[in-house]
Protein backbone atom coordinates (compact mmCIF):
# COMPACT_ATOMS: atom_id res chain seq x y z
CA MET A 1 -11.34 -71.20 0.18
CA PHE A 2 -11.39 -74.22 2.48
CA CYS A 3 -13.00 -77.75 2.50
CA VAL A 4 -14.42 -80.13 5.36
CA GLY A 5 -14.22 -83.53 4.85
CA LEU A 6 -17.34 -86.08 6.52
CA LEU A 7 -16.48 -88.99 8.87
CA PHE A 8 -18.74 -91.44 8.22
CA GLY A 9 -18.48 -94.62 11.12
CA LEU A 10 -14.10 -95.24 9.30
CA ILE A 11 -14.71 -93.90 6.08
CA VAL A 12 -14.19 -90.64 5.59
CA THR A 13 -15.41 -88.74 1.94
CA ALA A 14 -13.81 -87.20 -0.16
CA PRO A 15 -13.64 -83.13 1.50
CA VAL A 16 -16.18 -80.66 0.34
CA CYS A 17 -14.94 -77.52 -0.86
CA ALA A 18 -16.93 -73.69 0.08
CA ASP A 19 -15.61 -70.13 -1.03
CA ALA A 20 -14.62 -68.55 2.34
CA GLN A 21 -16.37 -65.37 1.84
CA VAL A 22 -14.28 -63.17 4.79
CA THR A 23 -13.81 -59.89 2.55
CA ALA A 24 -10.61 -57.81 4.40
CA PRO A 25 -10.86 -54.95 5.79
CA VAL A 26 -11.14 -51.40 3.98
CA LEU A 27 -7.72 -49.03 4.69
CA VAL A 28 -8.68 -45.37 4.94
CA SER A 29 -6.12 -42.73 6.42
CA ALA A 30 -8.09 -39.79 8.65
CA ARG A 31 -6.60 -36.08 7.34
CA LEU A 32 -7.61 -33.19 8.56
CA SER A 33 -6.22 -29.34 7.58
CA ASP A 34 -3.95 -27.82 10.33
CA THR A 35 -4.85 -24.58 9.40
CA ILE A 36 -8.32 -24.66 10.81
CA THR A 37 -8.94 -20.94 12.85
CA PRO A 38 -8.54 -20.38 15.34
CA PRO A 39 -6.43 -23.21 15.63
CA TRP A 40 -6.16 -26.00 18.23
CA THR A 41 -2.98 -28.90 18.53
CA GLN A 42 -4.92 -29.80 22.41
CA GLY A 43 -7.05 -32.77 20.49
CA ILE A 44 -11.14 -34.53 22.45
CA GLN A 45 -10.87 -33.06 25.60
CA ALA A 46 -13.88 -32.83 28.83
CA ILE A 47 -14.36 -29.21 28.61
CA ASN A 48 -12.64 -26.70 30.05
CA GLN A 49 -11.85 -22.42 30.28
CA THR A 50 -9.17 -22.98 27.68
CA ASN A 51 -10.92 -25.12 25.27
CA TYR A 52 -15.27 -23.73 26.11
CA TRP A 53 -13.66 -20.27 24.57
CA ASN A 54 -12.10 -21.39 21.93
CA ALA A 55 -15.55 -22.91 20.93
CA VAL A 56 -16.99 -19.98 21.35
CA GLU A 57 -14.59 -18.45 19.38
CA CYS A 58 -14.63 -21.16 16.32
CA GLY A 59 -18.42 -20.57 16.59
CA LYS A 60 -18.01 -16.99 16.32
CA GLN A 61 -16.29 -17.42 12.97
CA GLY A 62 -20.51 -17.62 11.07
CA GLY A 63 -19.98 -18.80 7.53
CA ALA A 64 -21.77 -21.56 5.62
CA ASN A 65 -19.73 -24.55 6.95
CA PRO A 66 -16.70 -22.43 9.59
CA ALA A 67 -13.55 -25.55 9.13
CA CYS A 68 -13.76 -25.44 13.33
CA VAL A 69 -17.93 -26.39 13.36
CA PHE A 70 -17.20 -29.84 11.07
CA TRP A 71 -14.00 -30.66 11.05
CA ASP A 72 -14.78 -34.06 10.20
CA THR A 73 -16.77 -33.83 7.63
CA GLY A 74 -14.94 -36.42 4.92
CA LEU A 75 -13.28 -37.83 7.81
CA CYS A 76 -11.99 -41.28 7.30
CA GLN A 77 -13.64 -41.28 3.47
CA ASN A 78 -14.53 -44.11 1.92
CA ASP A 79 -17.14 -45.14 0.14
CA GLN A 80 -18.97 -47.59 2.64
CA PHE A 81 -20.13 -45.17 5.57
CA THR A 82 -19.64 -41.28 6.41
CA ILE A 83 -19.45 -40.37 10.06
CA ALA A 84 -19.87 -37.42 12.62
CA MET A 85 -18.29 -36.86 15.77
CA PHE A 86 -20.31 -34.74 18.46
CA THR A 87 -17.93 -33.01 21.06
CA PRO A 88 -17.30 -31.16 23.90
CA TYR A 89 -16.31 -28.55 21.92
CA LYS A 90 -19.19 -29.10 18.87
CA GLN A 91 -21.88 -28.60 21.49
CA VAL A 92 -20.20 -25.13 22.76
CA ALA A 93 -19.34 -24.00 19.19
CA TYR A 94 -22.22 -25.40 17.38
CA GLU A 95 -24.35 -23.40 19.71
CA VAL A 96 -22.79 -19.95 19.22
CA TRP A 97 -22.85 -20.26 15.25
CA GLY A 98 -26.09 -21.14 14.77
CA ALA A 99 -27.20 -17.75 17.09
CA VAL A 100 -24.94 -15.49 14.78
CA ARG A 101 -25.75 -17.73 11.32
CA ALA A 102 -29.42 -15.86 12.53
CA LYS A 103 -28.37 -12.98 13.66
CA LYS A 104 -28.62 -13.43 16.39
CA PRO A 105 -26.78 -12.47 19.75
CA VAL A 106 -23.69 -14.40 21.07
CA PRO A 107 -24.70 -16.80 23.59
CA THR A 108 -23.17 -18.16 26.41
CA PRO A 109 -23.02 -21.73 26.28
CA SER A 110 -23.81 -23.85 28.87
CA TYR A 111 -20.47 -24.97 30.51
CA SER A 112 -22.61 -27.42 32.30
CA GLN A 113 -23.71 -29.25 29.90
CA ALA A 114 -20.42 -28.85 27.72
CA GLN A 115 -19.07 -30.55 31.28
CA ARG A 116 -21.67 -33.71 31.04
CA THR A 117 -21.14 -34.04 27.25
CA ARG A 118 -18.39 -37.68 25.86
CA ILE A 119 -17.71 -38.17 22.74
CA THR A 120 -20.16 -39.56 20.04
CA ILE A 121 -19.64 -41.09 16.89
CA GLY A 122 -22.87 -41.48 14.49
CA VAL A 123 -22.26 -43.37 11.67
CA THR A 124 -24.58 -43.69 8.47
CA PRO A 125 -24.01 -45.43 5.11
CA ALA A 126 -22.44 -43.57 2.69
CA LYS A 127 -24.52 -42.17 -0.90
CA GLY A 128 -25.32 -46.02 -2.45
CA SER A 129 -23.56 -48.59 0.27
CA LYS A 130 -26.46 -51.07 2.02
CA ASN A 131 -24.64 -51.49 3.98
CA ALA A 132 -25.58 -51.05 7.67
CA ILE A 133 -23.45 -50.39 10.93
CA THR A 134 -22.90 -52.51 13.46
CA SER A 135 -21.05 -52.11 15.63
CA VAL A 136 -17.28 -49.17 16.30
CA ALA A 137 -14.57 -49.39 17.96
CA VAL A 138 -10.66 -48.04 18.37
CA LYS A 139 -7.37 -49.82 18.36
CA ARG A 140 -5.38 -48.37 20.30
CA GLY A 141 -1.34 -50.52 21.09
CA GLY A 142 -1.96 -53.34 20.64
CA LYS A 143 -5.94 -53.41 22.76
CA THR A 144 -9.13 -52.51 22.06
CA VAL A 145 -12.07 -49.56 23.14
CA ALA A 146 -15.18 -50.54 23.23
CA PRO A 147 -17.72 -47.45 23.33
CA VAL A 148 -19.58 -47.28 26.21
CA SER A 149 -22.81 -47.15 24.80
CA LYS A 150 -24.79 -47.58 21.25
CA ALA A 151 -27.57 -47.00 19.56
CA ALA A 152 -28.73 -48.16 16.49
CA GLU A 153 -31.08 -45.77 14.48
CA GLY A 154 -31.81 -48.23 11.01
CA ALA A 155 -28.88 -48.82 8.81
CA GLY A 156 -27.02 -46.30 10.65
CA GLY A 157 -25.81 -45.37 14.77
CA SER A 158 -24.58 -43.84 17.43
CA PHE A 159 -21.65 -45.36 20.18
CA THR A 160 -20.12 -42.87 22.85
CA PHE A 161 -16.65 -43.05 24.29
CA ASP A 162 -15.36 -41.59 27.13
CA PHE A 163 -12.30 -39.47 26.65
CA PRO A 164 -8.59 -41.94 26.81
CA ALA A 165 -9.91 -43.27 23.77
CA PHE A 166 -9.57 -40.18 21.67
CA ALA A 167 -6.28 -38.96 23.57
CA PRO A 168 -2.78 -37.40 20.95
CA THR A 169 -0.67 -39.62 22.66
CA ALA A 170 -0.85 -42.77 19.56
CA ASP A 171 -1.79 -43.34 16.74
CA ILE A 172 -5.63 -45.59 16.41
CA SER A 173 -7.04 -46.92 14.52
CA LEU A 174 -11.02 -46.34 14.09
CA GLU A 175 -13.37 -49.67 13.80
CA LEU A 176 -16.01 -48.68 11.69
CA VAL A 177 -17.71 -53.02 11.35
CA GLY A 178 -20.79 -53.07 9.36
CA LYS A 179 -23.10 -56.52 7.72
CA ALA A 180 -21.47 -56.17 4.71
CA GLY A 181 -17.59 -55.72 5.69
CA THR A 182 -15.19 -53.29 8.19
CA VAL A 183 -13.36 -49.82 7.50
CA SER A 184 -10.69 -49.30 9.36
CA CYS A 185 -9.50 -45.90 9.50
CA SER A 186 -6.24 -45.33 10.95
CA VAL A 187 -5.96 -41.61 12.96
CA GLU A 188 -1.99 -39.93 13.53
CA LYS A 189 -1.53 -38.79 16.89
CA GLY A 190 -0.41 -35.80 14.55
CA VAL A 191 -4.04 -35.98 13.82
CA LEU A 192 -5.35 -36.49 16.53
CA ALA A 193 -4.28 -33.79 18.08
CA LEU A 194 -6.44 -31.68 15.62
CA PHE A 195 -9.27 -32.80 16.75
CA ARG A 196 -11.56 -30.91 19.06
């Protein structure tokens, strides 16, 4: 609660009080299985020969929901927002997976297109939530890393970051700021290493 006294000339009135409308952020932790195949412990990177071919192998698994393609499903689980991450690895793996699932030959996704891809986080309100996303930031080592670009999509949005924001060198906090409240998702560096 906060109170304000009004000043008229030299007379201060009795304080007028009102309830503060500040809500504490919802705190959650990111979790990923360390048994996703093929194994990966280097974190999200710009595309290179190693992660490109690892992503191709990932996509060859086929199936309805391979964990290596959809590794971000349920990441930072909360009742306000759902997030989906798009990375160079995911771009390659998803293209191969789509072809394998459709029983087509395994493609060779464009290496140069994957090289131009950065990290994009798509955020939508969770089922039943009316909290529209306004911004996303990464907190690392006491500093805030803002996205390099963002786009609103109704109550959701997409937020693009450069690779250093998600480097598996230190713990981070992913801040999902909405009109009605914030979700702060802590991501330990060991979990960041599993991101792909």
